[in-house]
Amino acid sequence: MSLQSISDYLDDISLSRRRGTKNSDIFYSQLPTSDQGFTDAQFLVPAQTIPWKAIVLASMLLVVGTSLLVFGCMVVTGHIVLQYSDRMWPMVILGALMFIPGAYHVRIAYYAYKKVPGFSFDDIPEFE
């Protein structure tokens, strides 16, 4: 065996599997020796995972933010009478701060579920 074939064999072994990570089921494929500019592996679309924790958190933000906004606005406008109605402005601000990111991420999740072009579950951050 020549030194080149031994080197190629060792390269095949070292690239065959990702080492030192949690996911040991991820495989690499060796690039062809003749460069044509494209490989088949670059056109494979990986399976999409749904970030359930992030969607549940976004839904909770949307529900709590909406309820805080509605309740705070009703107190500020006088539909609900409280003794200290001037303290409801922080509730309106907190509701807006919770509503905006919740509505944004739930919208992305809905459009990704409906498979609207340009939307993907990869746009939603995952929590580990």
Protein backbone atom coordinates (compact mmCIF):
# COMPACT_ATOMS: atom_id res chain seq x y z
CA MET A 1 0.00 0.00 0.00
CA SER A 2 1.23 3.43 -0.84
CA LEU A 3 1.37 6.35 1.53
CA GLN A 4 -1.38 8.16 -0.44
CA SER A 5 -3.86 5.26 -0.10
CA ILE A 6 -3.18 5.01 3.65
CA SER A 7 -3.76 8.72 3.97
CA ASP A 8 -7.04 8.44 2.03
CA TYR A 9 -8.14 5.54 4.23
CA LEU A 10 -7.43 7.49 7.42
CA ASP A 11 -9.33 10.49 6.04
CA ASP A 12 -12.31 8.22 5.31
CA ILE A 13 -12.29 6.92 8.88
CA SER A 14 -11.94 10.35 10.50
CA LEU A 15 -14.75 11.89 8.41
CA SER A 16 -17.14 8.98 8.75
CA ARG A 17 -18.61 10.06 12.07
CA ARG A 18 -18.68 13.20 14.19
CA ARG A 19 -16.64 12.60 17.32
CA GLY A 20 -17.00 14.13 20.76
CA THR A 21 -20.58 15.41 20.53
CA LYS A 22 -23.85 14.42 22.13
CA ASN A 23 -25.43 13.36 18.85
CA SER A 24 -23.34 10.46 17.62
CA ASP A 25 -25.86 9.58 14.91
CA ILE A 26 -24.79 12.45 12.62
CA PHE A 27 -22.79 11.20 9.64
CA TYR A 28 -20.52 13.06 7.27
CA SER A 29 -20.11 12.22 3.64
CA GLN A 30 -16.76 12.54 1.93
CA LEU A 31 -16.51 15.01 -0.88
CA PRO A 32 -15.70 13.59 -4.31
CA THR A 33 -12.12 13.85 -5.47
CA SER A 34 -13.09 15.54 -8.74
CA ASP A 35 -14.51 18.98 -8.03
CA GLN A 36 -17.57 19.69 -10.17
CA GLY A 37 -18.72 22.65 -8.13
CA PHE A 38 -21.71 20.88 -6.59
CA THR A 39 -22.33 17.78 -4.49
CA ASP A 40 -25.56 15.90 -3.93
CA ALA A 41 -25.27 16.33 -0.17
CA GLN A 42 -25.65 20.12 -0.35
CA PHE A 43 -29.14 19.80 -1.83
CA LEU A 44 -30.49 17.50 0.87
CA VAL A 45 -32.97 19.28 3.13
CA PRO A 46 -32.71 18.14 6.75
CA ALA A 47 -35.89 17.12 8.56
CA GLN A 48 -37.50 20.07 10.29
CA THR A 49 -37.96 19.83 14.04
CA ILE A 50 -40.72 21.77 15.74
CA PRO A 51 -39.51 23.82 18.75
CA TRP A 52 -42.43 22.98 21.06
CA LYS A 53 -41.00 24.72 24.15
CA ALA A 54 -40.56 27.99 22.27
CA ILE A 55 -44.06 27.80 20.78
CA VAL A 56 -45.61 27.14 24.21
CA LEU A 57 -43.66 30.05 25.69
CA ALA A 58 -44.71 32.34 22.83
CA SER A 59 -48.34 31.28 23.27
CA MET A 60 -48.17 32.03 26.99
CA LEU A 61 -46.63 35.43 26.28
CA LEU A 62 -49.40 36.14 23.79
CA VAL A 63 -52.23 35.15 26.16
CA VAL A 64 -50.85 36.89 29.26
CA GLY A 65 -49.82 39.98 27.29
CA THR A 66 -53.24 40.25 25.67
CA SER A 67 -55.05 39.90 28.99
CA LEU A 68 -52.79 42.50 30.65
CA LEU A 69 -53.30 44.90 27.76
CA VAL A 70 -57.08 44.50 27.75
CA PHE A 71 -57.46 44.76 31.52
CA GLY A 72 -55.05 47.71 31.78
CA CYS A 73 -56.71 49.59 28.92
CA MET A 74 -60.16 49.02 30.43
CA VAL A 75 -59.01 50.45 33.78
CA VAL A 76 -57.27 53.43 32.13
CA THR A 77 -60.33 54.26 30.00
CA GLY A 78 -62.72 53.97 32.96
CA HIS A 79 -64.68 50.85 32.02
CA ILE A 80 -63.40 49.20 35.22
CA VAL A 81 -63.22 51.50 38.22
CA LEU A 82 -60.44 50.93 40.73
CA GLN A 83 -59.21 53.05 43.60
CA TYR A 84 -55.71 53.52 42.14
CA SER A 85 -56.25 53.53 38.39
CA ASP A 86 -53.06 55.48 37.70
CA ARG A 87 -51.09 52.36 38.61
CA MET A 88 -52.44 50.52 35.58
CA TRP A 89 -50.01 52.15 33.12
CA PRO A 90 -47.25 49.73 34.12
CA MET A 91 -49.72 46.89 33.42
CA VAL A 92 -50.36 48.27 29.93
CA ILE A 93 -46.64 48.62 29.25
CA LEU A 94 -45.87 45.13 30.58
CA GLY A 95 -48.74 43.72 28.52
CA ALA A 96 -47.34 45.36 25.37
CA LEU A 97 -43.85 44.03 26.12
CA MET A 98 -45.26 40.51 26.44
CA PHE A 99 -47.73 40.73 23.55
CA ILE A 100 -45.32 41.86 20.84
CA PRO A 101 -42.79 38.96 20.91
CA GLY A 102 -45.53 36.43 21.67
CA ALA A 103 -47.63 37.48 18.69
CA TYR A 104 -44.56 37.59 16.44
CA HIS A 105 -43.41 34.05 17.23
CA VAL A 106 -46.91 32.55 17.20
CA ARG A 107 -47.41 34.11 13.76
CA ILE A 108 -44.18 32.55 12.50
CA ALA A 109 -45.18 29.16 13.95
CA TYR A 110 -48.63 29.37 12.34
CA TYR A 111 -47.26 30.27 8.91
CA ALA A 112 -44.56 27.59 9.17
CA TYR A 113 -47.26 25.04 10.06
CA LYS A 114 -49.29 26.12 7.02
CA LYS A 115 -46.08 25.89 4.92
CA VAL A 116 -46.26 29.44 3.62
CA PRO A 117 -43.14 30.16 1.53
CA GLY A 118 -40.55 32.15 3.45
CA PHE A 119 -41.55 30.86 6.90
CA SER A 120 -39.86 27.99 8.71
CA PHE A 121 -39.69 26.57 12.20
CA ASP A 122 -35.97 27.34 12.01
CA ASP A 123 -36.87 31.03 12.45
CA ILE A 124 -38.05 30.33 16.01
CA PRO A 125 -35.24 30.07 18.58
CA GLU A 126 -34.99 26.77 20.44
CA PHE A 127 -34.45 26.29 24.15
CA GLU A 128 -32.34 23.40 25.42
